[in-house]
Amino acid sequence: MGAAFVLGNGRSRSVIDLNKLRPYGKIYGCNALYREFVPDVLVAADRAISEQIQRSGYSQQHVFYTRKPISGLGGLRVQQEYWGYSSGPMALALSCIDRHRMIYMLGFDLGSNNDRFNNVYADTEFYKRSSDRSTYAGNWVKQVIRVTKDYADCEFVRVMGPDSAPVPEFERCTNLKSMAMEDFQKKFAV
């Protein structure tokens, strides 16, 4: 199976033309991404945005996973072992379940370099203000590490931009590497 691109919503991914990724592999996205782009698979863990996505009709026309799908609206229930995960790590796990073995993680900034909320959807419905303090990323880090262990036969590449926070715990994951955003853009001409 081809590569997978799992999109978190950190600001670092905003320099990528997402449509140019399509020829290279399957795209997994999270939460409010559906407002501007249709990935191959969309994931939302939080109840409020999950319900909005389903009630919008999106999940009847596109693949959408969540914790508690609303009956009759087309949403799919995420696998039990990842049920309690946040959206990004849940999407990462789904890319592995779908048998992708080369997985690029974009927008997994996991904090910021200025301790402010780092999300491309800041200041919009369901999101904190851009002036708010950065969200604690410890749970996301633990969940990403768990996915890399569960799928030791997969290669994970975290694409790093200027807004990406360093995560020392990732250095212990033998199948998780980092790549500079500039190198990613050259590799995929995006």
N, C-alpha and C. Protein backbone atom coordinates (compact mmCIF):
# COMPACT_ATOMS: atom_id res chain seq x y z
N MET A 1 0.85 -1.18 0.00
CA MET A 1 0.00 0.00 0.00
C MET A 1 0.90 1.24 0.00
N GLY A 2 0.42 2.33 -0.59
CA GLY A 2 1.20 3.56 -0.69
C GLY A 2 1.36 4.27 0.64
N ALA A 3 1.98 5.41 0.57
CA ALA A 3 2.21 6.23 1.76
C ALA A 3 0.90 6.78 2.29
N ALA A 4 0.94 7.17 3.56
CA ALA A 4 -0.20 7.87 4.16
C ALA A 4 0.31 9.20 4.71
N PHE A 5 -0.54 10.18 4.64
CA PHE A 5 -0.25 11.51 5.20
C PHE A 5 -1.31 11.77 6.27
N VAL A 6 -0.86 11.89 7.50
CA VAL A 6 -1.78 12.14 8.61
C VAL A 6 -1.62 13.59 9.02
N LEU A 7 -2.70 14.34 8.90
CA LEU A 7 -2.65 15.78 9.13
C LEU A 7 -3.18 16.15 10.50
N GLY A 8 -2.28 16.63 11.35
CA GLY A 8 -2.70 17.31 12.55
C GLY A 8 -3.02 18.74 12.15
N ASN A 9 -3.46 19.54 13.07
CA ASN A 9 -3.84 20.91 12.72
C ASN A 9 -2.90 21.96 13.26
N GLY A 10 -1.66 21.57 13.54
CA GLY A 10 -0.64 22.55 13.93
C GLY A 10 -0.32 23.47 12.77
N ARG A 11 0.12 24.66 13.09
CA ARG A 11 0.38 25.68 12.06
C ARG A 11 1.44 25.26 11.04
N SER A 12 2.34 24.38 11.39
CA SER A 12 3.42 24.03 10.46
C SER A 12 2.91 23.47 9.14
N ARG A 13 1.75 22.82 9.15
CA ARG A 13 1.24 22.24 7.90
C ARG A 13 0.62 23.26 6.96
N SER A 14 0.45 24.49 7.40
CA SER A 14 -0.24 25.49 6.59
C SER A 14 0.54 25.89 5.33
N VAL A 15 1.81 25.52 5.24
CA VAL A 15 2.60 25.85 4.05
C VAL A 15 2.44 24.81 2.94
N ILE A 16 1.69 23.74 3.21
CA ILE A 16 1.52 22.66 2.25
C ILE A 16 0.21 22.82 1.48
N ASP A 17 0.28 22.66 0.17
CA ASP A 17 -0.93 22.60 -0.66
C ASP A 17 -1.42 21.15 -0.56
N LEU A 18 -2.44 20.93 0.24
CA LEU A 18 -2.89 19.57 0.55
C LEU A 18 -3.34 18.81 -0.70
N ASN A 19 -3.90 19.50 -1.68
CA ASN A 19 -4.35 18.83 -2.90
C ASN A 19 -3.18 18.19 -3.65
N LYS A 20 -1.99 18.75 -3.51
CA LYS A 20 -0.83 18.19 -4.20
C LYS A 20 -0.32 16.90 -3.56
N LEU A 21 -0.82 16.56 -2.38
CA LEU A 21 -0.44 15.30 -1.73
C LEU A 21 -1.19 14.10 -2.31
N ARG A 22 -2.35 14.34 -2.88
CA ARG A 22 -3.23 13.24 -3.33
C ARG A 22 -2.54 12.18 -4.20
N PRO A 23 -1.71 12.55 -5.17
CA PRO A 23 -1.10 11.51 -6.01
C PRO A 23 -0.12 10.59 -5.25
N TYR A 24 0.31 11.02 -4.09
CA TYR A 24 1.36 10.29 -3.37
C TYR A 24 0.84 9.31 -2.33
N GLY A 25 -0.42 9.41 -1.96
CA GLY A 25 -0.94 8.49 -0.95
C GLY A 25 -2.27 8.95 -0.36
N LYS A 26 -2.73 8.19 0.60
CA LYS A 26 -4.01 8.44 1.26
C LYS A 26 -3.83 9.52 2.33
N ILE A 27 -4.82 10.40 2.46
CA ILE A 27 -4.75 11.52 3.40
C ILE A 27 -5.76 11.32 4.52
N TYR A 28 -5.27 11.41 5.74
CA TYR A 28 -6.09 11.32 6.95
C TYR A 28 -6.04 12.69 7.62
N GLY A 29 -7.20 13.20 8.03
CA GLY A 29 -7.25 14.51 8.66
C GLY A 29 -8.11 14.52 9.89
N CYS A 30 -8.11 15.66 10.57
CA CYS A 30 -8.78 15.77 11.86
C CYS A 30 -9.69 17.00 11.96
N ASN A 31 -10.79 16.79 12.62
CA ASN A 31 -11.65 17.86 13.10
C ASN A 31 -12.05 18.86 12.04
N ALA A 32 -11.74 20.12 12.24
CA ALA A 32 -12.23 21.20 11.38
C ALA A 32 -11.61 21.22 9.99
N LEU A 33 -10.69 20.33 9.69
CA LEU A 33 -10.12 20.26 8.35
C LEU A 33 -11.22 20.16 7.30
N TYR A 34 -12.32 19.49 7.64
CA TYR A 34 -13.41 19.28 6.67
C TYR A 34 -14.01 20.60 6.18
N ARG A 35 -13.79 21.69 6.92
CA ARG A 35 -14.34 22.99 6.50
C ARG A 35 -13.71 23.48 5.20
N GLU A 36 -12.48 23.04 4.93
CA GLU A 36 -11.77 23.58 3.77
C GLU A 36 -11.16 22.53 2.84
N PHE A 37 -11.13 21.27 3.30
CA PHE A 37 -10.47 20.23 2.52
C PHE A 37 -11.11 18.88 2.87
N VAL A 38 -11.27 18.02 1.87
CA VAL A 38 -11.85 16.70 2.11
C VAL A 38 -10.72 15.67 2.06
N PRO A 39 -10.29 15.16 3.22
CA PRO A 39 -9.30 14.09 3.21
C PRO A 39 -9.96 12.77 2.84
N ASP A 40 -9.16 11.73 2.64
CA ASP A 40 -9.71 10.41 2.37
C ASP A 40 -10.42 9.86 3.60
N VAL A 41 -9.89 10.19 4.77
CA VAL A 41 -10.47 9.78 6.05
C VAL A 41 -10.41 10.96 7.00
N LEU A 42 -11.54 11.29 7.62
CA LEU A 42 -11.60 12.35 8.61
C LEU A 42 -11.88 11.72 9.97
N VAL A 43 -11.26 12.27 11.02
CA VAL A 43 -11.42 11.76 12.37
C VAL A 43 -11.72 12.93 13.30
N ALA A 44 -12.65 12.73 14.22
CA ALA A 44 -12.91 13.72 15.27
C ALA A 44 -13.25 12.98 16.56
N ALA A 45 -12.52 13.27 17.60
CA ALA A 45 -12.75 12.62 18.89
C ALA A 45 -13.71 13.41 19.77
N ASP A 46 -13.59 14.72 19.75
CA ASP A 46 -14.41 15.54 20.64
C ASP A 46 -15.86 15.57 20.18
N ARG A 47 -16.74 15.44 21.14
CA ARG A 47 -18.17 15.28 20.86
C ARG A 47 -18.78 16.43 20.05
N ALA A 48 -18.50 17.66 20.45
CA ALA A 48 -19.18 18.80 19.81
C ALA A 48 -18.86 18.89 18.32
N ILE A 49 -17.58 18.83 17.97
CA ILE A 49 -17.23 18.95 16.55
C ILE A 49 -17.62 17.69 15.79
N SER A 50 -17.54 16.54 16.45
CA SER A 50 -17.97 15.29 15.82
C SER A 50 -19.44 15.35 15.44
N GLU A 51 -20.25 15.85 16.35
CA GLU A 51 -21.68 15.97 16.05
C GLU A 51 -21.94 16.97 14.94
N GLN A 52 -21.19 18.09 14.94
CA GLN A 52 -21.37 19.08 13.88
C GLN A 52 -21.02 18.47 12.51
N ILE A 53 -19.93 17.72 12.45
CA ILE A 53 -19.52 17.09 11.20
C ILE A 53 -20.62 16.14 10.70
N GLN A 54 -21.15 15.32 11.59
CA GLN A 54 -22.17 14.36 11.20
C GLN A 54 -23.46 15.04 10.78
N ARG A 55 -23.88 16.05 11.53
CA ARG A 55 -25.13 16.75 11.22
C ARG A 55 -25.02 17.59 9.94
N SER A 56 -23.80 17.92 9.54
CA SER A 56 -23.60 18.70 8.31
C SER A 56 -23.85 17.86 7.06
N GLY A 57 -23.90 16.54 7.22
CA GLY A 57 -24.05 15.64 6.07
C GLY A 57 -22.72 15.11 5.55
N TYR A 58 -21.63 15.63 6.07
CA TYR A 58 -20.30 15.22 5.61
C TYR A 58 -20.11 13.71 5.71
N SER A 59 -20.49 13.14 6.84
CA SER A 59 -20.22 11.71 7.09
C SER A 59 -21.11 10.78 6.26
N GLN A 60 -22.08 11.31 5.58
CA GLN A 60 -22.89 10.48 4.69
C GLN A 60 -22.27 10.40 3.29
N GLN A 61 -21.35 11.31 3.02
CA GLN A 61 -20.71 11.34 1.71
C GLN A 61 -19.22 10.99 1.75
N HIS A 62 -18.62 11.02 2.95
CA HIS A 62 -17.19 10.81 3.10
C HIS A 62 -16.91 9.90 4.29
N VAL A 63 -15.73 9.31 4.31
CA VAL A 63 -15.34 8.42 5.41
C VAL A 63 -15.02 9.27 6.64
N PHE A 64 -15.73 8.98 7.73
CA PHE A 64 -15.57 9.74 8.97
C PHE A 64 -15.62 8.79 10.16
N TYR A 65 -14.60 8.88 11.02
CA TYR A 65 -14.53 8.08 12.25
C TYR A 65 -14.65 8.96 13.48
N THR A 66 -15.31 8.42 14.49
CA THR A 66 -15.46 9.12 15.76
C THR A 66 -15.68 8.10 16.87
N ARG A 67 -15.78 8.58 18.08
CA ARG A 67 -16.01 7.68 19.22
C ARG A 67 -17.45 7.18 19.26
N LYS A 68 -18.39 8.09 19.09
CA LYS A 68 -19.81 7.75 19.21
C LYS A 68 -20.57 8.27 18.00
N PRO A 69 -20.62 7.48 16.93
CA PRO A 69 -21.35 7.93 15.75
C PRO A 69 -22.84 8.10 16.06
N ILE A 70 -23.45 9.08 15.41
CA ILE A 70 -24.89 9.29 15.53
C ILE A 70 -25.56 8.34 14.54
N SER A 71 -26.46 7.54 15.01
CA SER A 71 -27.14 6.54 14.19
C SER A 71 -27.76 7.17 12.95
N GLY A 72 -27.52 6.55 11.81
CA GLY A 72 -28.13 6.99 10.56
C GLY A 72 -27.42 8.12 9.84
N LEU A 73 -26.32 8.64 10.42
CA LEU A 73 -25.64 9.77 9.78
C LEU A 73 -24.32 9.40 9.11
N GLY A 74 -24.01 8.10 9.05
CA GLY A 74 -22.87 7.64 8.26
C GLY A 74 -21.53 7.58 8.96
N GLY A 75 -21.43 8.07 10.17
CA GLY A 75 -20.16 8.01 10.88
C GLY A 75 -19.78 6.59 11.28
N LEU A 76 -18.50 6.33 11.37
CA LEU A 76 -17.99 5.02 11.75
C LEU A 76 -17.36 5.10 13.14
N ARG A 77 -17.49 4.02 13.90
CA ARG A 77 -16.92 3.99 15.25
C ARG A 77 -15.47 3.55 15.17
N VAL A 78 -14.59 4.31 15.80
CA VAL A 78 -13.18 3.96 15.82
C VAL A 78 -12.98 2.67 16.62
N GLN A 79 -11.95 1.91 16.28
CA GLN A 79 -11.67 0.64 16.93
C GLN A 79 -11.49 0.85 18.44
N GLN A 80 -11.92 -0.12 19.20
CA GLN A 80 -11.96 -0.03 20.66
C GLN A 80 -10.61 0.32 21.28
N GLU A 81 -9.52 -0.26 20.78
CA GLU A 81 -8.21 -0.01 21.41
C GLU A 81 -7.74 1.44 21.28
N TYR A 82 -8.35 2.19 20.35
CA TYR A 82 -7.98 3.61 20.18
C TYR A 82 -9.15 4.54 20.49
N TRP A 83 -10.17 4.02 21.10
CA TRP A 83 -11.39 4.77 21.38
C TRP A 83 -11.12 6.02 22.24
N GLY A 84 -10.26 5.94 23.21
CA GLY A 84 -10.00 7.07 24.10
C GLY A 84 -8.94 8.03 23.61
N TYR A 85 -8.43 7.83 22.42
CA TYR A 85 -7.35 8.65 21.90
C TYR A 85 -7.86 10.01 21.40
N SER A 86 -6.94 10.95 21.29
CA SER A 86 -7.22 12.24 20.67
C SER A 86 -7.27 12.05 19.16
N SER A 87 -7.80 13.03 18.47
CA SER A 87 -8.04 12.90 17.03
C SER A 87 -6.78 12.57 16.22
N GLY A 88 -5.69 13.30 16.43
CA GLY A 88 -4.47 13.06 15.65
C GLY A 88 -3.91 11.66 15.84
N PRO A 89 -3.68 11.23 17.08
CA PRO A 89 -3.21 9.85 17.28
C PRO A 89 -4.21 8.80 16.80
N MET A 90 -5.50 9.10 16.89
CA MET A 90 -6.52 8.18 16.39
C MET A 90 -6.39 8.05 14.86
N ALA A 91 -6.20 9.15 14.17
CA ALA A 91 -6.01 9.13 12.72
C ALA A 91 -4.72 8.38 12.36
N LEU A 92 -3.69 8.57 13.16
CA LEU A 92 -2.43 7.87 12.95
C LEU A 92 -2.64 6.35 13.05
N ALA A 93 -3.36 5.92 14.08
CA ALA A 93 -3.66 4.49 14.25
C ALA A 93 -4.47 3.96 13.07
N LEU A 94 -5.46 4.72 12.61
CA LEU A 94 -6.28 4.27 11.47
C LEU A 94 -5.43 4.10 10.21
N SER A 95 -4.44 4.95 10.01
CA SER A 95 -3.58 4.80 8.83
C SER A 95 -2.81 3.48 8.90
N CYS A 96 -2.44 3.06 10.10
CA CYS A 96 -1.75 1.77 10.28
C CYS A 96 -2.71 0.60 10.09
N ILE A 97 -3.90 0.73 10.65
CA ILE A 97 -4.92 -0.31 10.49
C ILE A 97 -5.24 -0.51 9.01
N ASP A 98 -5.19 0.57 8.23
CA ASP A 98 -5.44 0.49 6.79
C ASP A 98 -4.23 -0.04 6.01
N ARG A 99 -3.21 -0.49 6.72
CA ARG A 99 -2.05 -1.18 6.16
C ARG A 99 -1.05 -0.29 5.45
N HIS A 100 -1.01 0.98 5.76
CA HIS A 100 0.05 1.84 5.25
C HIS A 100 1.29 1.57 6.08
N ARG A 101 2.44 1.55 5.45
CA ARG A 101 3.67 1.25 6.18
C ARG A 101 4.63 2.44 6.20
N MET A 102 4.38 3.44 5.38
CA MET A 102 5.16 4.68 5.40
C MET A 102 4.19 5.81 5.68
N ILE A 103 4.34 6.43 6.85
CA ILE A 103 3.34 7.38 7.31
C ILE A 103 4.02 8.70 7.67
N TYR A 104 3.59 9.76 7.01
CA TYR A 104 4.10 11.11 7.26
C TYR A 104 3.12 11.85 8.14
N MET A 105 3.62 12.43 9.20
CA MET A 105 2.80 13.19 10.16
C MET A 105 3.05 14.67 9.95
N LEU A 106 2.06 15.39 9.46
CA LEU A 106 2.18 16.83 9.23
C LEU A 106 1.28 17.58 10.22
N GLY A 107 1.74 18.69 10.72
CA GLY A 107 0.93 19.48 11.65
C GLY A 107 0.85 18.86 13.03
N PHE A 108 1.70 17.90 13.34
CA PHE A 108 1.80 17.34 14.69
C PHE A 108 2.82 18.19 15.45
N ASP A 109 2.50 19.46 15.64
CA ASP A 109 3.44 20.40 16.26
C ASP A 109 3.60 20.15 17.77
N LEU A 110 2.56 19.65 18.41
CA LEU A 110 2.61 19.26 19.83
C LEU A 110 3.16 20.35 20.73
N GLY A 111 2.61 21.52 20.56
CA GLY A 111 3.03 22.68 21.34
C GLY A 111 3.41 23.80 20.39
N SER A 112 4.16 24.74 20.89
CA SER A 112 4.59 25.85 20.05
C SER A 112 5.90 26.39 20.59
N ASN A 113 6.52 27.23 19.79
CA ASN A 113 7.78 27.83 20.22
C ASN A 113 7.57 29.13 21.01
N ASN A 114 6.31 29.56 21.17
CA ASN A 114 6.05 30.80 21.92
C ASN A 114 5.03 30.59 23.05
N ASP A 115 4.73 29.34 23.37
CA ASP A 115 3.79 28.96 24.43
C ASP A 115 2.37 29.50 24.21
N ARG A 116 1.98 29.71 22.95
CA ARG A 116 0.63 30.11 22.59
C ARG A 116 -0.04 28.97 21.83
N PHE A 117 -1.35 28.96 21.84
CA PHE A 117 -2.13 27.92 21.18
C PHE A 117 -1.74 27.81 19.71
N ASN A 118 -1.32 26.64 19.30
CA ASN A 118 -0.80 26.41 17.96
C ASN A 118 -1.79 25.53 17.20
N ASN A 119 -2.68 26.15 16.46
CA ASN A 119 -3.66 25.41 15.68
C ASN A 119 -4.14 26.31 14.54
N VAL A 120 -4.21 25.75 13.35
CA VAL A 120 -4.64 26.55 12.20
C VAL A 120 -6.08 27.03 12.34
N TYR A 121 -6.87 26.40 13.23
CA TYR A 121 -8.26 26.79 13.42
C TYR A 121 -8.48 27.61 14.69
N ALA A 122 -7.41 28.10 15.28
CA ALA A 122 -7.54 28.95 16.47
C ALA A 122 -8.50 30.10 16.15
N ASP A 123 -9.24 30.53 17.15
CA ASP A 123 -10.19 31.64 17.02
C ASP A 123 -11.44 31.29 16.23
N THR A 124 -11.68 29.98 16.01
CA THR A 124 -12.91 29.57 15.34
C THR A 124 -13.70 28.66 16.28
N GLU A 125 -14.93 28.34 15.90
CA GLU A 125 -15.80 27.52 16.74
C GLU A 125 -15.12 26.21 17.14
N PHE A 126 -15.22 25.87 18.41
CA PHE A 126 -14.67 24.66 19.04
C PHE A 126 -13.18 24.75 19.35
N TYR A 127 -12.55 25.86 19.08
CA TYR A 127 -11.10 26.00 19.30
C TYR A 127 -10.80 27.17 20.23
N LYS A 128 -9.66 27.06 20.89
CA LYS A 128 -9.21 28.13 21.77
C LYS A 128 -8.76 29.34 20.94
N ARG A 129 -8.56 30.44 21.65
CA ARG A 129 -8.06 31.66 20.99
C ARG A 129 -6.55 31.52 20.74
N SER A 130 -6.08 32.17 19.71
CA SER A 130 -4.65 32.12 19.38
C SER A 130 -3.81 32.75 20.48
N SER A 131 -4.41 33.59 21.30
CA SER A 131 -3.67 34.22 22.40
C SER A 131 -3.63 33.35 23.65
N ASP A 132 -4.39 32.24 23.66
CA ASP A 132 -4.39 31.33 24.81
C ASP A 132 -3.07 30.57 24.90
N ARG A 133 -2.80 30.09 26.10
CA ARG A 133 -1.59 29.29 26.30
C ARG A 133 -1.68 27.98 25.52
N SER A 134 -0.53 27.46 25.20
CA SER A 134 -0.43 26.22 24.46
C SER A 134 -1.14 25.08 25.19
N THR A 135 -1.74 24.19 24.45
CA THR A 135 -2.42 23.03 25.01
C THR A 135 -1.38 22.00 25.47
N TYR A 136 -1.61 21.38 26.60
CA TYR A 136 -0.74 20.33 27.10
C TYR A 136 -0.72 19.18 26.08
N ALA A 137 0.47 18.77 25.68
CA ALA A 137 0.59 17.76 24.63
C ALA A 137 1.00 16.39 25.15
N GLY A 138 1.14 16.23 26.44
CA GLY A 138 1.63 14.97 27.01
C GLY A 138 0.83 13.75 26.61
N ASN A 139 -0.50 13.87 26.60
CA ASN A 139 -1.33 12.73 26.21
C ASN A 139 -1.14 12.37 24.74
N TRP A 140 -1.04 13.38 23.89
CA TRP A 140 -0.81 13.12 22.46
C TRP A 140 0.52 12.40 22.27
N VAL A 141 1.55 12.87 22.99
CA VAL A 141 2.88 12.25 22.87
C VAL A 141 2.79 10.77 23.26
N LYS A 142 2.17 10.48 24.39
CA LYS A 142 2.03 9.09 24.85
C LYS A 142 1.25 8.24 23.84
N GLN A 143 0.20 8.82 23.26
CA GLN A 143 -0.61 8.08 22.31
C GLN A 143 0.15 7.82 21.01
N VAL A 144 0.91 8.78 20.53
CA VAL A 144 1.72 8.58 19.32
C VAL A 144 2.75 7.48 19.57
N ILE A 145 3.41 7.52 20.72
CA ILE A 145 4.40 6.50 21.06
C ILE A 145 3.74 5.12 21.10
N ARG A 146 2.56 5.04 21.67
CA ARG A 146 1.85 3.75 21.72
C ARG A 146 1.55 3.22 20.32
N VAL A 147 1.13 4.10 19.41
CA VAL A 147 0.85 3.67 18.04
C VAL A 147 2.13 3.17 17.37
N THR A 148 3.25 3.87 17.58
CA THR A 148 4.50 3.42 16.96
C THR A 148 4.92 2.06 17.50
N LYS A 149 4.61 1.78 18.75
CA LYS A 149 4.92 0.45 19.33
C LYS A 149 3.95 -0.61 18.81
N ASP A 150 2.67 -0.26 18.72
CA ASP A 150 1.67 -1.21 18.22
C ASP A 150 1.95 -1.60 16.77
N TYR A 151 2.55 -0.70 16.02
CA TYR A 151 2.82 -0.94 14.61
C TYR A 151 4.31 -0.77 14.33
N ALA A 152 5.08 -1.64 14.94
CA ALA A 152 6.54 -1.60 14.83
C ALA A 152 7.02 -1.83 13.40
N ASP A 153 6.17 -2.40 12.54
CA ASP A 153 6.54 -2.64 11.15
C ASP A 153 6.29 -1.43 10.26
N CYS A 154 5.81 -0.35 10.84
CA CYS A 154 5.56 0.89 10.09
C CYS A 154 6.70 1.88 10.31
N GLU A 155 6.92 2.72 9.32
CA GLU A 155 7.86 3.82 9.45
C GLU A 155 7.06 5.11 9.58
N PHE A 156 7.36 5.88 10.61
CA PHE A 156 6.68 7.15 10.86
C PHE A 156 7.67 8.28 10.68
N VAL A 157 7.23 9.34 9.99
CA VAL A 157 8.07 10.51 9.79
C VAL A 157 7.30 11.73 10.26
N ARG A 158 7.82 12.39 11.29
CA ARG A 158 7.21 13.63 11.79
C ARG A 158 7.85 14.79 11.04
N VAL A 159 7.04 15.49 10.26
CA VAL A 159 7.52 16.61 9.47
C VAL A 159 7.51 17.86 10.37
N MET A 160 8.68 18.46 10.50
CA MET A 160 8.87 19.57 11.46
C MET A 160 8.97 20.91 10.74
N GLY A 161 8.19 21.87 11.23
CA GLY A 161 8.29 23.24 10.75
C GLY A 161 8.77 24.13 11.88
N PRO A 162 8.84 25.43 11.64
CA PRO A 162 9.33 26.34 12.67
C PRO A 162 8.45 26.39 13.93
N ASP A 163 7.18 26.01 13.81
CA ASP A 163 6.28 26.02 14.96
C ASP A 163 6.22 24.68 15.69
N SER A 164 6.95 23.68 15.22
CA SER A 164 6.92 22.36 15.83
C SER A 164 7.77 22.33 17.10
N ALA A 165 7.19 21.81 18.16
CA ALA A 165 7.91 21.70 19.43
C ALA A 165 8.77 20.44 19.42
N PRO A 166 9.96 20.52 19.99
CA PRO A 166 10.76 19.29 20.11
C PRO A 166 10.10 18.33 21.10
N VAL A 167 10.19 17.04 20.82
CA VAL A 167 9.62 16.01 21.70
C VAL A 167 10.72 14.99 21.97
N PRO A 168 11.48 15.16 23.05
CA PRO A 168 12.60 14.24 23.34
C PRO A 168 12.16 12.78 23.47
N GLU A 169 10.94 12.52 23.93
CA GLU A 169 10.45 11.14 24.07
C GLU A 169 10.41 10.39 22.74
N PHE A 170 10.24 11.11 21.65
CA PHE A 170 10.18 10.48 20.33
C PHE A 170 11.53 9.89 19.91
N GLU A 171 12.61 10.39 20.49
CA GLU A 171 13.94 9.90 20.12
C GLU A 171 14.12 8.43 20.48
N ARG A 172 13.33 7.92 21.40
CA ARG A 172 13.42 6.51 21.80
C ARG A 172 12.60 5.59 20.89
N CYS A 173 11.84 6.15 19.99
CA CYS A 173 11.03 5.35 19.06
C CYS A 173 11.89 5.05 17.82
N THR A 174 12.25 3.79 17.66
CA THR A 174 13.17 3.43 16.57
C THR A 174 12.54 3.57 15.19
N ASN A 175 11.22 3.56 15.11
CA ASN A 175 10.54 3.66 13.81
C ASN A 175 9.88 5.04 13.59
N LEU A 176 10.32 6.03 14.37
CA LEU A 176 9.81 7.40 14.22
C LEU A 176 10.99 8.34 14.02
N LYS A 177 11.02 8.97 12.87
CA LYS A 177 12.10 9.90 12.52
C LYS A 177 11.51 11.29 12.29
N SER A 178 12.37 12.28 12.24
CA SER A 178 11.97 13.65 11.93
C SER A 178 12.47 14.02 10.54
N MET A 179 11.74 14.93 9.92
CA MET A 179 12.14 15.46 8.62
C MET A 179 11.81 16.95 8.62
N ALA A 180 12.72 17.76 8.12
CA ALA A 180 12.47 19.20 8.01
C ALA A 180 11.40 19.45 6.95
N MET A 181 10.55 20.43 7.21
CA MET A 181 9.48 20.78 6.27
C MET A 181 10.03 21.04 4.87
N GLU A 182 11.17 21.72 4.79
CA GLU A 182 11.76 22.03 3.48
C GLU A 182 12.11 20.75 2.72
N ASP A 183 12.63 19.74 3.42
CA ASP A 183 12.96 18.47 2.78
C ASP A 183 11.70 17.75 2.31
N PHE A 184 10.65 17.81 3.12
CA PHE A 184 9.37 17.21 2.73
C PHE A 184 8.83 17.88 1.47
N GLN A 185 8.88 19.20 1.44
CA GLN A 185 8.37 19.94 0.28
C GLN A 185 9.14 19.58 -0.99
N LYS A 186 10.44 19.40 -0.88
CA LYS A 186 11.24 19.01 -2.05
C LYS A 186 10.90 17.59 -2.49
N LYS A 187 10.78 16.69 -1.53
CA LYS A 187 10.51 15.27 -1.83
C LYS A 187 9.19 15.09 -2.57
N PHE A 188 8.17 15.84 -2.17
CA PHE A 188 6.84 15.64 -2.75
C PHE A 188 6.39 16.80 -3.65
N ALA A 189 7.25 17.75 -3.89
CA ALA A 189 6.92 18.89 -4.76
C ALA A 189 5.62 19.56 -4.35
N VAL A 190 5.50 19.81 -3.05
CA VAL A 190 4.31 20.47 -2.53
C VAL A 190 4.68 21.81 -1.95
